[in-house]
Amino acid sequence: MMWIVAICGLMLFVSAILVLVRIERGPSVLDRMVGVDVMTSILLGALALLAAVTRRSDLLAVFVVVSVVGFLGSVALARIARREDPGKRRILTAEEEQAIDAAQEAADQAEVAAHDIDLEEAIEQVLDAQTGHTEESE
């Protein structure tokens, strides 16, 4: 049993070293962020291994806290690293909002009208094909 624990511990240690190298060399902030997330997962694996070996149930609370902190940290870093259009961040005035709504309604009406024309043409073509009438025969 102890040799399985030793192998698991060695694998966690080697993976932690490799992730540290990735965090140090990562060309972008997002690469480093993923590395920190993987490091949190490795820490959770080590805590689970420790809890299994020592049969201590009080480590379950630590396990839950570390997992929640890791998740919230990843979400916070993802929100910070997200790129947004600077124009979309400001609050619109009432006039700007009305202009945007009017433009959207006009675009929706134009799209509906275009679909209606296409639908009418398609119905006429189906009816002509069924009756055998074409424009040339009329």
C-alpha atoms as a PDB file:
ATOM      1  CA  MET A   1       0.000   0.000   0.000  1.00  0.00           C
ATOM      2  CA  MET A   2       2.772   2.445   0.832  1.00  0.00           C
ATOM      3  CA  TRP A   3       4.456   2.022  -2.530  1.00  0.00           C
ATOM      4  CA  ILE A   4       1.183   3.129  -4.233  1.00  0.00           C
ATOM      5  CA  VAL A   5       1.106   6.222  -2.021  1.00  0.00           C
ATOM      6  CA  ALA A   6       4.770   6.874  -2.813  1.00  0.00           C
ATOM      7  CA  ILE A   7       4.139   6.590  -6.571  1.00  0.00           C
ATOM      8  CA  CYS A   8       1.122   8.906  -6.356  1.00  0.00           C
ATOM      9  CA  GLY A   9       3.102  11.423  -4.302  1.00  0.00           C
ATOM     10  CA  LEU A  10       5.988  11.281  -6.769  1.00  0.00           C
ATOM     11  CA  MET A  11       3.619  11.848  -9.693  1.00  0.00           C
ATOM     12  CA  LEU A  12       2.060  14.844  -7.925  1.00  0.00           C
ATOM     13  CA  PHE A  13       5.516  16.250  -7.167  1.00  0.00           C
ATOM     14  CA  VAL A  14       6.738  15.882 -10.763  1.00  0.00           C
ATOM     15  CA  SER A  15       3.556  17.409 -12.142  1.00  0.00           C
ATOM     16  CA  ALA A  16       3.871  20.331  -9.699  1.00  0.00           C
ATOM     17  CA  ILE A  17       7.446  20.967 -10.875  1.00  0.00           C
ATOM     18  CA  LEU A  18       6.348  20.900 -14.521  1.00  0.00           C
ATOM     19  CA  VAL A  19       3.455  23.262 -13.826  1.00  0.00           C
ATOM     20  CA  LEU A  20       5.795  25.655 -11.998  1.00  0.00           C
ATOM     21  CA  VAL A  21       7.991  25.714 -15.093  1.00  0.00           C
ATOM     22  CA  ARG A  22       4.897  26.460 -17.211  1.00  0.00           C
ATOM     23  CA  ILE A  23       3.856  29.267 -14.872  1.00  0.00           C
ATOM     24  CA  GLU A  24       7.349  30.779 -14.968  1.00  0.00           C
ATOM     25  CA  ARG A  25       7.777  30.533 -18.742  1.00  0.00           C
ATOM     26  CA  GLY A  26       4.170  31.151 -19.792  1.00  0.00           C
ATOM     27  CA  PRO A  27       4.161  33.620 -22.669  1.00  0.00           C
ATOM     28  CA  SER A  28       0.830  35.148 -21.651  1.00  0.00           C
ATOM     29  CA  VAL A  29      -1.160  35.857 -18.543  1.00  0.00           C
ATOM     30  CA  LEU A  30      -3.750  33.287 -19.579  1.00  0.00           C
ATOM     31  CA  ASP A  31      -1.093  30.547 -19.738  1.00  0.00           C
ATOM     32  CA  ARG A  32       0.002  31.439 -16.230  1.00  0.00           C
ATOM     33  CA  MET A  33      -3.623  31.496 -15.100  1.00  0.00           C
ATOM     34  CA  VAL A  34      -4.183  27.970 -16.391  1.00  0.00           C
ATOM     35  CA  GLY A  35      -0.976  26.910 -14.656  1.00  0.00           C
ATOM     36  CA  VAL A  36      -2.201  28.272 -11.328  1.00  0.00           C
ATOM     37  CA  ASP A  37      -5.510  26.465 -11.835  1.00  0.00           C
ATOM     38  CA  VAL A  38      -3.669  23.194 -12.504  1.00  0.00           C
ATOM     39  CA  MET A  39      -1.479  23.821  -9.462  1.00  0.00           C
ATOM     40  CA  THR A  40      -4.649  24.154  -7.372  1.00  0.00           C
ATOM     41  CA  SER A  41      -5.817  20.809  -8.742  1.00  0.00           C
ATOM     42  CA  ILE A  42      -2.473  19.240  -7.838  1.00  0.00           C
ATOM     43  CA  LEU A  43      -2.797  20.656  -4.315  1.00  0.00           C
ATOM     44  CA  LEU A  44      -6.280  19.139  -4.071  1.00  0.00           C
ATOM     45  CA  GLY A  45      -4.879  15.789  -5.179  1.00  0.00           C
ATOM     46  CA  ALA A  46      -2.160  15.996  -2.544  1.00  0.00           C
ATOM     47  CA  LEU A  47      -4.724  16.834   0.139  1.00  0.00           C
ATOM     48  CA  ALA A  48      -6.883  13.902  -0.953  1.00  0.00           C
ATOM     49  CA  LEU A  49      -3.849  11.606  -0.831  1.00  0.00           C
ATOM     50  CA  LEU A  50      -2.958  12.869   2.636  1.00  0.00           C
ATOM     51  CA  ALA A  51      -6.536  12.381   3.843  1.00  0.00           C
ATOM     52  CA  ALA A  52      -6.595   8.844   2.438  1.00  0.00           C
ATOM     53  CA  VAL A  53      -3.279   7.871   4.033  1.00  0.00           C
ATOM     54  CA  THR A  54      -3.928   9.391   7.459  1.00  0.00           C
ATOM     55  CA  ARG A  55      -7.690   8.655   7.452  1.00  0.00           C
ATOM     56  CA  ARG A  56      -8.374  12.113   8.868  1.00  0.00           C
ATOM     57  CA  SER A  57     -11.861  13.360   8.129  1.00  0.00           C
ATOM     58  CA  ASP A  58     -11.116  16.910   9.271  1.00  0.00           C
ATOM     59  CA  LEU A  59      -9.168  17.481   6.046  1.00  0.00           C
ATOM     60  CA  LEU A  60     -12.453  17.413   4.129  1.00  0.00           C
ATOM     61  CA  ALA A  61     -13.179  20.995   5.207  1.00  0.00           C
ATOM     62  CA  VAL A  62      -9.731  22.083   4.000  1.00  0.00           C
ATOM     63  CA  PHE A  63     -10.361  20.256   0.729  1.00  0.00           C
ATOM     64  CA  VAL A  64     -13.638  22.121   0.174  1.00  0.00           C
ATOM     65  CA  VAL A  65     -12.137  25.511   1.063  1.00  0.00           C
ATOM     66  CA  VAL A  66      -9.164  25.058  -1.267  1.00  0.00           C
ATOM     67  CA  SER A  67     -11.409  23.969  -4.135  1.00  0.00           C
ATOM     68  CA  VAL A  68     -13.759  26.960  -3.674  1.00  0.00           C
ATOM     69  CA  VAL A  69     -10.849  29.405  -3.424  1.00  0.00           C
ATOM     70  CA  GLY A  70      -9.277  27.901  -6.546  1.00  0.00           C
ATOM     71  CA  PHE A  71     -12.520  28.161  -8.484  1.00  0.00           C
ATOM     72  CA  LEU A  72     -13.199  31.739  -7.407  1.00  0.00           C
ATOM     73  CA  GLY A  73      -9.618  32.723  -8.179  1.00  0.00           C
ATOM     74  CA  SER A  74      -9.875  31.285 -11.683  1.00  0.00           C
ATOM     75  CA  VAL A  75     -13.152  33.058 -12.320  1.00  0.00           C
ATOM     76  CA  ALA A  76     -11.786  36.363 -11.018  1.00  0.00           C
ATOM     77  CA  LEU A  77      -8.661  36.145 -13.168  1.00  0.00           C
ATOM     78  CA  ALA A  78     -10.715  35.203 -16.226  1.00  0.00           C
ATOM     79  CA  ARG A  79     -12.915  38.248 -15.699  1.00  0.00           C
ATOM     80  CA  ILE A  80      -9.913  40.518 -15.348  1.00  0.00           C
ATOM     81  CA  ALA A  81      -8.154  39.067 -18.393  1.00  0.00           C
ATOM     82  CA  ARG A  82     -11.279  39.284 -20.599  1.00  0.00           C
ATOM     83  CA  ARG A  83     -11.010  41.889 -23.329  1.00  0.00           C
ATOM     84  CA  GLU A  84     -13.961  44.209 -23.771  1.00  0.00           C
ATOM     85  CA  ASP A  85     -14.796  46.972 -26.163  1.00  0.00           C
ATOM     86  CA  PRO A  86     -14.213  50.228 -24.254  1.00  0.00           C
ATOM     87  CA  GLY A  87     -17.301  51.772 -25.890  1.00  0.00           C
ATOM     88  CA  LYS A  88     -19.564  49.105 -24.406  1.00  0.00           C
ATOM     89  CA  ARG A  89     -18.521  49.810 -20.840  1.00  0.00           C
ATOM     90  CA  ARG A  90     -20.115  53.223 -20.499  1.00  0.00           C
ATOM     91  CA  ILE A  91     -23.720  53.907 -19.546  1.00  0.00           C
ATOM     92  CA  LEU A  92     -25.849  55.045 -22.474  1.00  0.00           C
ATOM     93  CA  THR A  93     -28.002  58.151 -22.380  1.00  0.00           C
ATOM     94  CA  ALA A  94     -31.742  57.825 -22.934  1.00  0.00           C
ATOM     95  CA  GLU A  95     -31.445  59.282 -26.450  1.00  0.00           C
ATOM     96  CA  GLU A  96     -28.684  56.849 -27.418  1.00  0.00           C
ATOM     97  CA  GLU A  97     -30.706  53.929 -26.105  1.00  0.00           C
ATOM     98  CA  GLN A  98     -33.811  55.036 -28.045  1.00  0.00           C
ATOM     99  CA  ALA A  99     -31.749  55.420 -31.234  1.00  0.00           C
ATOM    100  CA  ILE A 100     -30.294  51.930 -30.820  1.00  0.00           C
ATOM    101  CA  ASP A 101     -33.765  50.466 -30.179  1.00  0.00           C
ATOM    102  CA  ALA A 102     -35.211  52.249 -33.232  1.00  0.00           C
ATOM    103  CA  ALA A 103     -32.383  50.994 -35.441  1.00  0.00           C
ATOM    104  CA  GLN A 104     -32.875  47.441 -34.138  1.00  0.00           C
ATOM    105  CA  GLU A 105     -36.641  47.588 -34.802  1.00  0.00           C
ATOM    106  CA  ALA A 106     -36.055  48.898 -38.334  1.00  0.00           C
ATOM    107  CA  ALA A 107     -33.587  46.089 -38.998  1.00  0.00           C
ATOM    108  CA  ASP A 108     -36.037  43.514 -37.629  1.00  0.00           C
ATOM    109  CA  GLN A 109     -38.876  44.861 -39.807  1.00  0.00           C
ATOM    110  CA  ALA A 110     -36.665  44.868 -42.903  1.00  0.00           C
ATOM    111  CA  GLU A 111     -35.681  41.271 -42.181  1.00  0.00           C
ATOM    112  CA  VAL A 112     -39.309  40.189 -41.721  1.00  0.00           C
ATOM    113  CA  ALA A 113     -40.335  41.944 -44.931  1.00  0.00           C
ATOM    114  CA  ALA A 114     -37.506  40.258 -46.828  1.00  0.00           C
ATOM    115  CA  HIS A 115     -38.547  36.867 -45.498  1.00  0.00           C
ATOM    116  CA  ASP A 116     -42.192  37.494 -46.418  1.00  0.00           C
ATOM    117  CA  ILE A 117     -41.258  38.307 -50.016  1.00  0.00           C
ATOM    118  CA  ASP A 118     -39.127  35.187 -50.225  1.00  0.00           C
ATOM    119  CA  LEU A 119     -41.962  33.123 -48.793  1.00  0.00           C
ATOM    120  CA  GLU A 120     -44.479  34.519 -51.280  1.00  0.00           C
ATOM    121  CA  GLU A 121     -42.134  33.826 -54.194  1.00  0.00           C
ATOM    122  CA  ALA A 122     -41.535  30.280 -52.971  1.00  0.00           C
ATOM    123  CA  ILE A 123     -45.290  29.642 -52.665  1.00  0.00           C
ATOM    124  CA  GLU A 124     -45.872  30.950 -56.199  1.00  0.00           C
ATOM    125  CA  GLN A 125     -43.117  28.720 -57.586  1.00  0.00           C
ATOM    126  CA  VAL A 126     -44.541  25.642 -55.861  1.00  0.00           C
ATOM    127  CA  LEU A 127     -48.052  26.389 -57.130  1.00  0.00           C
ATOM    128  CA  ASP A 128     -46.769  26.985 -60.666  1.00  0.00           C
ATOM    129  CA  ALA A 129     -44.824  23.738 -60.595  1.00  0.00           C
ATOM    130  CA  GLN A 130     -47.862  21.811 -59.395  1.00  0.00           C
ATOM    131  CA  THR A 131     -50.211  23.231 -62.041  1.00  0.00           C
ATOM    132  CA  GLY A 132     -47.643  23.105 -64.798  1.00  0.00           C
ATOM    133  CA  HIS A 133     -47.813  26.831 -65.492  1.00  0.00           C
ATOM    134  CA  THR A 134     -44.694  28.751 -66.267  1.00  0.00           C
ATOM    135  CA  GLU A 135     -44.178  32.315 -67.334  1.00  0.00           C
ATOM    136  CA  GLU A 136     -43.310  31.141 -70.843  1.00  0.00           C
ATOM    137  CA  SER A 137     -46.613  29.274 -71.296  1.00  0.00           C
ATOM    138  CA  GLU A 138     -48.682  32.310 -70.309  1.00  0.00           C
END
